[in-house]
N, C-alpha and C. Protein backbone atom coordinates (compact mmCIF):
# COMPACT_ATOMS: atom_id res chain seq x y z
N UNK A 1 0.84 -1.18 0.00
CA UNK A 1 0.00 0.00 0.00
C UNK A 1 0.88 1.23 0.00
N UNK A 2 0.66 2.10 -0.94
CA UNK A 2 1.40 3.35 -0.99
C UNK A 2 0.73 4.38 -0.10
N UNK A 3 1.53 5.04 0.71
CA UNK A 3 1.01 6.04 1.65
C UNK A 3 1.76 7.34 1.43
N UNK A 4 1.01 8.41 1.25
CA UNK A 4 1.60 9.74 1.13
C UNK A 4 2.19 10.13 2.48
N UNK A 5 3.44 10.52 2.50
CA UNK A 5 4.09 10.87 3.77
C UNK A 5 3.41 12.05 4.45
N UNK A 6 2.67 12.85 3.70
CA UNK A 6 1.94 13.96 4.31
C UNK A 6 0.76 13.48 5.15
N UNK A 7 0.39 12.21 5.00
CA UNK A 7 -0.73 11.65 5.75
C UNK A 7 -0.30 10.95 7.03
N UNK A 8 1.00 10.91 7.30
CA UNK A 8 1.52 10.22 8.47
C UNK A 8 1.48 11.12 9.70
N UNK A 9 0.99 10.55 10.80
CA UNK A 9 0.92 11.30 12.06
C UNK A 9 1.37 10.37 13.18
N UNK A 10 2.29 10.83 14.00
CA UNK A 10 2.73 10.04 15.15
C UNK A 10 1.60 9.93 16.16
N UNK A 11 1.55 8.82 16.88
CA UNK A 11 0.51 8.58 17.88
C UNK A 11 0.46 9.72 18.90
N UNK A 12 1.61 10.15 19.36
CA UNK A 12 1.66 11.24 20.35
C UNK A 12 1.03 12.51 19.79
N UNK A 13 1.37 12.83 18.55
CA UNK A 13 0.81 14.03 17.92
C UNK A 13 -0.69 13.88 17.71
N UNK A 14 -1.13 12.67 17.33
CA UNK A 14 -2.56 12.43 17.13
C UNK A 14 -3.33 12.62 18.44
N UNK A 15 -2.73 12.16 19.54
CA UNK A 15 -3.36 12.34 20.86
C UNK A 15 -3.43 13.81 21.26
N UNK A 16 -2.40 14.55 20.95
CA UNK A 16 -2.33 15.94 21.36
C UNK A 16 -3.06 16.89 20.43
N UNK A 17 -3.22 16.50 19.16
CA UNK A 17 -3.80 17.41 18.18
C UNK A 17 -4.68 16.62 17.20
N UNK A 18 -5.78 16.08 17.72
CA UNK A 18 -6.66 15.26 16.89
C UNK A 18 -7.27 16.06 15.75
N UNK A 19 -7.47 17.36 15.96
CA UNK A 19 -8.04 18.18 14.88
C UNK A 19 -7.12 18.19 13.66
N UNK A 20 -5.81 18.05 13.87
CA UNK A 20 -4.87 17.97 12.74
C UNK A 20 -5.12 16.68 11.96
N UNK A 21 -5.35 15.58 12.67
CA UNK A 21 -5.61 14.30 12.02
C UNK A 21 -6.89 14.39 11.18
N UNK A 22 -7.92 14.99 11.76
CA UNK A 22 -9.20 15.16 11.05
C UNK A 22 -9.01 16.02 9.81
N UNK A 23 -8.23 17.05 9.93
CA UNK A 23 -7.96 17.93 8.79
C UNK A 23 -7.26 17.16 7.66
N UNK A 24 -6.32 16.30 8.02
CA UNK A 24 -5.63 15.48 7.02
C UNK A 24 -6.63 14.57 6.31
N UNK A 25 -7.53 13.96 7.08
CA UNK A 25 -8.55 13.08 6.49
C UNK A 25 -9.45 13.88 5.56
N UNK A 26 -9.87 15.05 5.98
CA UNK A 26 -10.73 15.90 5.15
C UNK A 26 -10.04 16.28 3.84
N UNK A 27 -8.74 16.53 3.90
CA UNK A 27 -8.02 16.98 2.71
C UNK A 27 -7.60 15.84 1.78
N UNK A 28 -7.22 14.70 2.35
CA UNK A 28 -6.66 13.65 1.50
C UNK A 28 -7.39 12.32 1.57
N UNK A 29 -8.40 12.22 2.39
CA UNK A 29 -9.19 10.99 2.44
C UNK A 29 -8.80 10.03 3.53
N UNK A 30 -7.57 10.14 4.04
CA UNK A 30 -7.15 9.26 5.12
C UNK A 30 -5.92 9.80 5.84
N UNK A 31 -5.75 9.33 7.06
CA UNK A 31 -4.56 9.64 7.83
C UNK A 31 -4.03 8.32 8.38
N UNK A 32 -2.72 8.16 8.38
CA UNK A 32 -2.09 6.96 8.92
C UNK A 32 -1.41 7.34 10.23
N UNK A 33 -1.81 6.66 11.30
CA UNK A 33 -1.25 6.95 12.61
C UNK A 33 -0.15 5.94 12.91
N UNK A 34 1.00 6.46 13.25
CA UNK A 34 2.18 5.63 13.52
C UNK A 34 2.28 5.30 15.00
N UNK A 35 2.63 4.06 15.28
CA UNK A 35 2.94 3.66 16.66
C UNK A 35 4.32 3.04 16.62
N UNK A 36 5.22 3.57 17.41
CA UNK A 36 6.62 3.14 17.40
C UNK A 36 7.21 3.24 15.99
N UNK A 37 6.89 4.33 15.32
CA UNK A 37 7.38 4.65 13.97
C UNK A 37 6.95 3.65 12.90
N UNK A 38 5.87 2.90 13.15
CA UNK A 38 5.34 1.97 12.16
C UNK A 38 3.86 2.27 11.95
N UNK A 39 3.38 2.17 10.72
CA UNK A 39 1.94 2.39 10.49
C UNK A 39 1.13 1.39 11.30
N UNK A 40 0.18 1.91 12.07
CA UNK A 40 -0.62 1.04 12.95
C UNK A 40 -2.12 1.20 12.70
N UNK A 41 -2.56 2.43 12.48
CA UNK A 41 -3.99 2.70 12.31
C UNK A 41 -4.22 3.60 11.10
N UNK A 42 -5.40 3.44 10.51
CA UNK A 42 -5.81 4.32 9.42
C UNK A 42 -7.14 4.94 9.81
N UNK A 43 -7.22 6.23 9.70
CA UNK A 43 -8.47 6.94 9.94
C UNK A 43 -8.98 7.41 8.59
N UNK A 44 -10.24 7.01 8.27
CA UNK A 44 -10.83 7.38 6.99
C UNK A 44 -12.18 8.04 7.23
N UNK A 45 -12.63 8.76 6.22
CA UNK A 45 -13.96 9.35 6.24
C UNK A 45 -14.98 8.22 6.30
N UNK A 46 -16.13 8.44 6.96
CA UNK A 46 -17.12 7.38 7.13
C UNK A 46 -17.66 6.88 5.80
N UNK A 47 -17.84 7.76 4.83
CA UNK A 47 -18.31 7.33 3.51
C UNK A 47 -17.32 6.35 2.87
N UNK A 48 -16.05 6.63 3.03
CA UNK A 48 -15.01 5.74 2.52
C UNK A 48 -15.07 4.38 3.22
N UNK A 49 -15.29 4.41 4.52
CA UNK A 49 -15.41 3.17 5.29
C UNK A 49 -16.58 2.33 4.78
N UNK A 50 -17.72 2.97 4.52
CA UNK A 50 -18.88 2.25 4.00
C UNK A 50 -18.58 1.61 2.64
N UNK A 51 -17.84 2.33 1.79
CA UNK A 51 -17.45 1.77 0.49
C UNK A 51 -16.53 0.56 0.68
N UNK A 52 -15.61 0.65 1.60
CA UNK A 52 -14.70 -0.48 1.88
C UNK A 52 -15.50 -1.68 2.36
N UNK A 53 -16.45 -1.46 3.26
CA UNK A 53 -17.27 -2.56 3.76
C UNK A 53 -18.08 -3.20 2.64
N UNK A 54 -18.64 -2.38 1.75
CA UNK A 54 -19.42 -2.90 0.63
C UNK A 54 -18.54 -3.74 -0.29
N UNK A 55 -17.32 -3.28 -0.55
CA UNK A 55 -16.39 -4.05 -1.39
C UNK A 55 -16.03 -5.37 -0.74
N UNK A 56 -15.83 -5.37 0.59
CA UNK A 56 -15.50 -6.61 1.30
C UNK A 56 -16.65 -7.61 1.20
N UNK A 57 -17.89 -7.13 1.33
CA UNK A 57 -19.05 -8.01 1.22
C UNK A 57 -19.15 -8.59 -0.18
N UNK A 58 -18.93 -7.76 -1.19
CA UNK A 58 -19.00 -8.23 -2.57
C UNK A 58 -17.91 -9.26 -2.85
N UNK A 59 -16.72 -9.02 -2.33
CA UNK A 59 -15.61 -9.96 -2.51
C UNK A 59 -15.93 -11.29 -1.84
N UNK A 60 -16.48 -11.26 -0.63
CA UNK A 60 -16.84 -12.48 0.08
C UNK A 60 -17.92 -13.25 -0.69
N UNK A 61 -18.86 -12.52 -1.26
CA UNK A 61 -19.93 -13.15 -2.04
C UNK A 61 -19.35 -13.85 -3.27
N UNK A 62 -18.45 -13.19 -3.97
CA UNK A 62 -17.82 -13.77 -5.16
C UNK A 62 -17.02 -15.02 -4.78
N UNK A 63 -16.29 -14.96 -3.68
CA UNK A 63 -15.50 -16.11 -3.24
C UNK A 63 -16.42 -17.28 -2.90
N UNK A 64 -17.49 -16.98 -2.19
CA UNK A 64 -18.44 -18.04 -1.82
C UNK A 64 -19.08 -18.67 -3.05
N UNK A 65 -19.49 -17.85 -3.99
CA UNK A 65 -20.10 -18.36 -5.22
C UNK A 65 -19.11 -19.20 -6.01
N UNK A 66 -17.87 -18.77 -6.07
CA UNK A 66 -16.84 -19.51 -6.79
C UNK A 66 -16.56 -20.85 -6.11
N UNK A 67 -16.49 -20.84 -4.79
CA UNK A 67 -16.27 -22.08 -4.05
C UNK A 67 -17.41 -23.06 -4.29
N UNK A 68 -18.65 -22.56 -4.23
CA UNK A 68 -19.81 -23.42 -4.49
C UNK A 68 -19.74 -24.01 -5.89
N UNK A 69 -19.38 -23.21 -6.86
CA UNK A 69 -19.28 -23.67 -8.24
C UNK A 69 -18.22 -24.77 -8.37
N UNK A 70 -17.06 -24.54 -7.77
CA UNK A 70 -15.98 -25.54 -7.84
C UNK A 70 -16.38 -26.85 -7.16
N UNK A 71 -17.05 -26.74 -6.04
CA UNK A 71 -17.50 -27.95 -5.34
C UNK A 71 -18.51 -28.70 -6.19
N UNK A 72 -19.49 -27.98 -6.72
CA UNK A 72 -20.51 -28.63 -7.54
C UNK A 72 -19.92 -29.27 -8.80
N UNK A 73 -18.97 -28.61 -9.44
CA UNK A 73 -18.36 -29.14 -10.65
C UNK A 73 -17.48 -30.36 -10.37
N UNK A 74 -16.99 -30.47 -9.15
CA UNK A 74 -16.04 -31.53 -8.82
C UNK A 74 -16.54 -32.42 -7.68
N UNK A 75 -17.84 -32.47 -7.49
CA UNK A 75 -18.42 -33.20 -6.37
C UNK A 75 -18.02 -34.68 -6.36
N UNK A 76 -18.06 -35.31 -7.51
CA UNK A 76 -17.70 -36.73 -7.58
C UNK A 76 -16.25 -36.95 -7.16
N UNK A 77 -15.37 -36.09 -7.59
CA UNK A 77 -13.95 -36.22 -7.21
C UNK A 77 -13.78 -36.03 -5.71
N UNK A 78 -14.49 -35.08 -5.14
CA UNK A 78 -14.40 -34.86 -3.68
C UNK A 78 -14.93 -36.07 -2.93
N UNK A 79 -16.02 -36.66 -3.41
CA UNK A 79 -16.57 -37.85 -2.76
C UNK A 79 -15.56 -39.00 -2.82
N UNK A 80 -14.91 -39.13 -3.95
CA UNK A 80 -13.90 -40.20 -4.10
C UNK A 80 -12.72 -39.96 -3.16
N UNK A 81 -12.29 -38.73 -3.05
CA UNK A 81 -11.18 -38.40 -2.15
C UNK A 81 -11.55 -38.61 -0.68
N UNK A 82 -12.82 -38.44 -0.36
CA UNK A 82 -13.27 -38.58 1.02
C UNK A 82 -13.30 -40.03 1.49
N UNK A 83 -13.25 -40.97 0.57
CA UNK A 83 -13.31 -42.40 0.95
C UNK A 83 -12.06 -42.83 1.69
């Protein structure tokens, strides 16, 4: 994941100046909060979060449908392997 260095905020700074973190999110869509100089948390706009959740649900649905299709297409082989 590529992260703009302008979106990085140290945990201490985020605790002391949360309005700065919010401003970064408003301007660029997200802020990355560092803990021990490593990316630990991402703060995003709520609309962005809802989009991410919708994409995750769609991805899970596609995976489930694909798994069902593979099982149905290969059911006899799976039954043979189960013996």
